Amino acid sequence: MVLLCQAVAFSSHHASGSAQGPSDATPISEPVAAELIATELTAAKPAPTEAGPAEREAATETEASVESNPGNETGPTVAEIEFVQTRFDRVREGYQSLQWNEIAGATRYLILDSEGNSYYEGALPEAFISGLSDGEHSFMAQAFSADNRLVGASVQSAVMLVDHWPMSQAWASFGVGLIVFLAMIGLIAAGALRASKLTDEARAVS
């Protein structure tokens, strides 16, 4: 910086044409002064900082993204599956049917619960869910094309709240059904006996 000040002072003094007086500084020629100024300006420039690990990683991810998707193309869109009914309260029997809208290009539908267990796989947009225990159960739907590509998915789950009949009421219903069944069997047997008796009487008369 000292050399730069000397060079600037010499250049200004030389340009003004004034007589040179005695000075402690050593006279510097104009070419040398220009070279010193260029050297000082170069040294004054801040050195480029080296990129940190985070910057290098971000740059690497950006380059990989550009290479994998040079045209910045978006992936295929997935249609939305909507259940006809999304809430089922007090499912007493432990089974329920689900229905949803058809998806264009879909050849197979899949119904999964919240744990990923499959309850239905078929071509129709309707499923019969059974064997459910007491409690809340959530189900999601997915649609696949012939080449096994995902073309549809449900955004909102279908929720079933299962609450089976109490055992006492179940046994009572079973008892009533058994009585009705036995009564029907008795009526059929009595009708058969009566028909057989009428047939025998008709033969005896003839």
Protein backbone atom coordinates (compact mmCIF):
# COMPACT_ATOMS: atom_id res chain seq x y z
CA MET A 1 0.00 0.00 0.00
CA VAL A 2 2.93 2.31 0.69
CA LEU A 3 4.27 1.71 -2.81
CA LEU A 4 0.85 2.52 -4.23
CA CYS A 5 0.79 5.87 -2.41
CA GLN A 6 4.27 6.66 -3.63
CA ALA A 7 3.35 5.81 -7.21
CA VAL A 8 0.20 7.93 -7.10
CA ALA A 9 2.11 10.84 -5.60
CA PHE A 10 4.82 10.59 -8.24
CA SER A 11 2.32 10.36 -11.05
CA SER A 12 0.44 13.43 -9.82
CA HIS A 13 3.63 15.39 -9.32
CA HIS A 14 4.99 14.47 -12.72
CA ALA A 15 1.72 15.36 -14.46
CA SER A 16 1.59 18.83 -12.88
CA GLY A 17 5.01 19.72 -14.25
CA SER A 18 6.14 21.29 -10.97
CA ALA A 19 9.86 21.28 -10.05
CA GLN A 20 10.97 18.43 -7.91
CA GLY A 21 12.24 19.46 -4.51
CA PRO A 22 14.29 17.52 -2.07
CA SER A 23 12.42 14.48 -0.78
CA ASP A 24 13.15 11.50 1.37
CA ALA A 25 11.37 9.13 -1.09
CA THR A 26 13.31 7.62 -3.92
CA PRO A 27 12.11 8.88 -7.34
CA ILE A 28 10.09 6.28 -9.26
CA SER A 29 9.78 6.26 -13.01
CA GLU A 30 6.31 6.34 -14.57
CA PRO A 31 6.38 2.76 -15.97
CA VAL A 32 7.47 1.43 -12.60
CA ALA A 33 4.68 3.40 -10.90
CA ALA A 34 2.07 1.92 -13.22
CA GLU A 35 3.35 -1.59 -12.54
CA LEU A 36 3.23 -1.01 -8.79
CA ILE A 37 -0.34 0.27 -9.01
CA ALA A 38 -1.41 -2.86 -10.94
CA THR A 39 0.37 -5.09 -8.40
CA GLU A 40 -1.32 -3.39 -5.44
CA LEU A 41 -4.78 -3.59 -7.04
CA THR A 42 -4.32 -7.30 -7.73
CA ALA A 43 -3.23 -7.96 -4.15
CA ALA A 44 -6.21 -6.01 -2.79
CA LYS A 45 -8.77 -8.33 -4.46
CA PRO A 46 -10.37 -10.79 -1.98
CA ALA A 47 -9.29 -14.38 -2.44
CA PRO A 48 -12.05 -16.73 -3.56
CA THR A 49 -13.49 -18.70 -0.66
CA GLU A 50 -13.60 -22.47 -0.91
CA ALA A 51 -17.09 -23.97 -0.88
CA GLY A 52 -17.99 -25.81 2.29
CA PRO A 53 -19.34 -29.39 2.49
CA ALA A 54 -22.98 -28.21 2.40
CA GLU A 55 -22.43 -26.11 -0.73
CA ARG A 56 -20.55 -28.91 -2.49
CA GLU A 57 -23.29 -31.44 -1.64
CA ALA A 58 -26.01 -29.08 -2.91
CA ALA A 59 -24.11 -28.54 -6.14
CA THR A 60 -23.67 -32.30 -6.60
CA GLU A 61 -27.42 -32.93 -6.04
CA THR A 62 -28.30 -30.21 -8.52
CA GLU A 63 -26.01 -31.69 -11.18
CA ALA A 64 -27.43 -35.19 -10.59
CA SER A 65 -30.98 -33.85 -10.84
CA VAL A 66 -30.23 -32.13 -14.12
CA GLU A 67 -28.56 -35.24 -15.54
CA SER A 68 -31.43 -37.54 -14.51
CA ASN A 69 -34.12 -35.15 -15.75
CA PRO A 70 -32.52 -32.89 -18.37
CA GLY A 71 -35.83 -31.63 -19.72
CA ASN A 72 -37.24 -30.95 -16.23
CA GLU A 73 -40.14 -33.28 -17.05
CA THR A 74 -42.74 -34.12 -14.42
CA GLY A 75 -43.80 -37.72 -13.68
CA PRO A 76 -47.15 -39.21 -14.62
CA THR A 77 -50.11 -37.91 -12.65
CA VAL A 78 -52.09 -40.22 -10.38
CA ALA A 79 -55.88 -39.91 -10.41
CA GLU A 80 -57.78 -39.47 -7.15
CA ILE A 81 -59.97 -42.30 -5.90
CA GLU A 82 -63.03 -41.19 -3.92
CA PHE A 83 -65.05 -43.59 -1.78
CA VAL A 84 -68.83 -43.33 -2.10
CA GLN A 85 -68.97 -43.37 1.71
CA THR A 86 -65.99 -42.66 3.94
CA ARG A 87 -67.48 -43.21 7.40
CA PHE A 88 -69.27 -46.28 8.81
CA ASP A 89 -70.33 -46.08 12.46
CA ARG A 90 -71.43 -49.03 14.62
CA VAL A 91 -70.83 -51.84 12.15
CA ARG A 92 -72.53 -54.60 14.13
CA GLU A 93 -71.92 -57.60 11.90
CA GLY A 94 -68.17 -57.06 11.40
CA TYR A 95 -68.41 -56.72 7.63
CA GLN A 96 -69.11 -53.90 5.21
CA SER A 97 -68.93 -53.17 1.48
CA LEU A 98 -66.87 -50.34 -0.02
CA GLN A 99 -67.50 -48.60 -3.34
CA TRP A 100 -65.47 -46.00 -5.22
CA ASN A 101 -65.20 -44.26 -8.61
CA GLU A 102 -63.66 -46.00 -11.60
CA ILE A 103 -60.23 -44.86 -12.77
CA ALA A 104 -59.44 -44.62 -16.50
CA GLY A 105 -56.82 -47.17 -17.52
CA ALA A 106 -57.11 -49.18 -14.30
CA THR A 107 -57.34 -52.95 -14.61
CA ARG A 108 -56.80 -53.85 -10.96
CA TYR A 109 -57.82 -52.30 -7.64
CA LEU A 110 -56.28 -52.90 -4.24
CA ILE A 111 -57.75 -52.21 -0.79
CA LEU A 112 -55.27 -51.92 2.09
CA ASP A 113 -55.74 -51.17 5.77
CA SER A 114 -53.60 -48.76 7.77
CA GLU A 115 -51.04 -51.50 8.44
CA GLY A 116 -50.65 -52.45 4.78
CA ASN A 117 -52.71 -55.65 4.92
CA SER A 118 -54.59 -56.44 1.71
CA TYR A 119 -58.36 -56.96 1.98
CA TYR A 120 -59.31 -56.88 -1.69
CA GLU A 121 -57.72 -57.22 -5.12
CA GLY A 122 -59.86 -57.27 -8.23
CA ALA A 123 -61.05 -55.51 -11.34
CA LEU A 124 -64.33 -54.10 -9.94
CA PRO A 125 -64.53 -50.80 -8.03
CA GLU A 126 -66.29 -52.50 -5.13
CA ALA A 127 -65.04 -54.60 -2.24
CA PHE A 128 -66.65 -56.64 0.53
CA ILE A 129 -64.66 -56.31 3.75
CA SER A 130 -65.29 -58.95 6.43
CA GLY A 131 -63.72 -60.54 9.48
CA LEU A 132 -63.21 -57.23 11.29
CA SER A 133 -62.70 -57.13 15.03
CA ASP A 134 -64.13 -54.48 17.36
CA GLY A 135 -62.49 -51.10 16.94
CA GLU A 136 -61.71 -48.56 14.25
CA HIS A 137 -60.39 -49.70 10.87
CA SER A 138 -59.10 -47.44 8.06
CA PHE A 139 -58.84 -48.47 4.42
CA MET A 140 -57.12 -46.94 1.38
CA ALA A 141 -57.65 -47.76 -2.30
CA GLN A 142 -55.10 -48.00 -5.12
CA ALA A 143 -55.56 -48.51 -8.86
CA PHE A 144 -53.05 -50.13 -11.22
CA SER A 145 -52.83 -50.36 -15.00
CA ALA A 146 -52.16 -53.50 -17.05
CA ASP A 147 -48.40 -52.88 -16.84
CA ASN A 148 -48.64 -52.66 -13.01
CA ARG A 149 -48.27 -48.87 -12.95
CA LEU A 150 -50.01 -46.88 -10.22
CA VAL A 151 -52.71 -44.77 -11.89
CA GLY A 152 -54.96 -43.93 -8.94
CA ALA A 153 -54.94 -43.58 -5.16
CA SER A 154 -57.39 -42.48 -2.50
CA VAL A 155 -56.64 -39.29 -0.60
CA GLN A 156 -59.23 -39.79 2.13
CA SER A 157 -59.51 -43.10 3.97
CA ALA A 158 -62.70 -45.07 4.52
CA VAL A 159 -63.17 -45.56 8.26
CA MET A 160 -65.23 -48.35 9.85
CA LEU A 161 -66.10 -48.40 13.53
CA VAL A 162 -66.93 -52.03 14.33
CA ASP A 163 -69.04 -52.80 17.40
CA HIS A 164 -70.32 -56.37 17.40
CA TRP A 165 -73.57 -57.37 19.03
CA PRO A 166 -73.27 -58.39 22.72
CA MET A 167 -73.02 -62.14 23.28
CA SER A 168 -76.29 -62.24 25.22
CA GLN A 169 -78.13 -60.63 22.34
CA ALA A 170 -76.35 -62.89 19.88
CA TRP A 171 -77.43 -66.02 21.79
CA ALA A 172 -80.99 -64.71 22.03
CA SER A 173 -81.11 -64.16 18.30
CA PHE A 174 -79.69 -67.63 17.77
CA GLY A 175 -82.38 -69.13 20.03
CA VAL A 176 -85.18 -67.36 18.18
CA GLY A 177 -83.77 -68.54 14.87
CA LEU A 178 -83.53 -72.10 16.15
CA ILE A 179 -87.15 -72.08 17.30
CA VAL A 180 -88.32 -70.76 13.93
CA PHE A 181 -86.27 -73.40 12.16
CA LEU A 182 -87.69 -76.24 14.28
CA ALA A 183 -91.20 -74.93 13.76
CA MET A 184 -90.74 -74.96 10.01
CA ILE A 185 -89.42 -78.52 10.16
CA GLY A 186 -92.46 -79.57 12.24
CA LEU A 187 -94.89 -77.98 9.78
CA ILE A 188 -93.20 -79.72 6.86
CA ALA A 189 -93.29 -83.09 8.65
CA ALA A 190 -96.98 -82.65 9.65
CA GLY A 191 -97.89 -81.73 6.07
CA ALA A 192 -96.09 -84.78 4.74
CA LEU A 193 -97.85 -87.09 7.19
CA ARG A 194 -101.24 -85.62 6.37
CA ALA A 195 -100.63 -86.02 2.65
CA SER A 196 -99.58 -89.61 3.15
CA LYS A 197 -102.70 -90.34 5.21
CA LEU A 198 -105.00 -88.81 2.58
CA THR A 199 -103.30 -90.89 -0.07
CA ASP A 200 -103.85 -94.09 1.94
CA GLU A 201 -107.55 -93.28 2.51
CA ALA A 202 -108.06 -92.64 -1.19
CA ARG A 203 -106.56 -96.00 -2.04
CA ALA A 204 -108.76 -97.76 0.51
CA VAL A 205 -111.95 -96.24 -0.90
CA SER A 206 -111.04 -97.17 -4.42
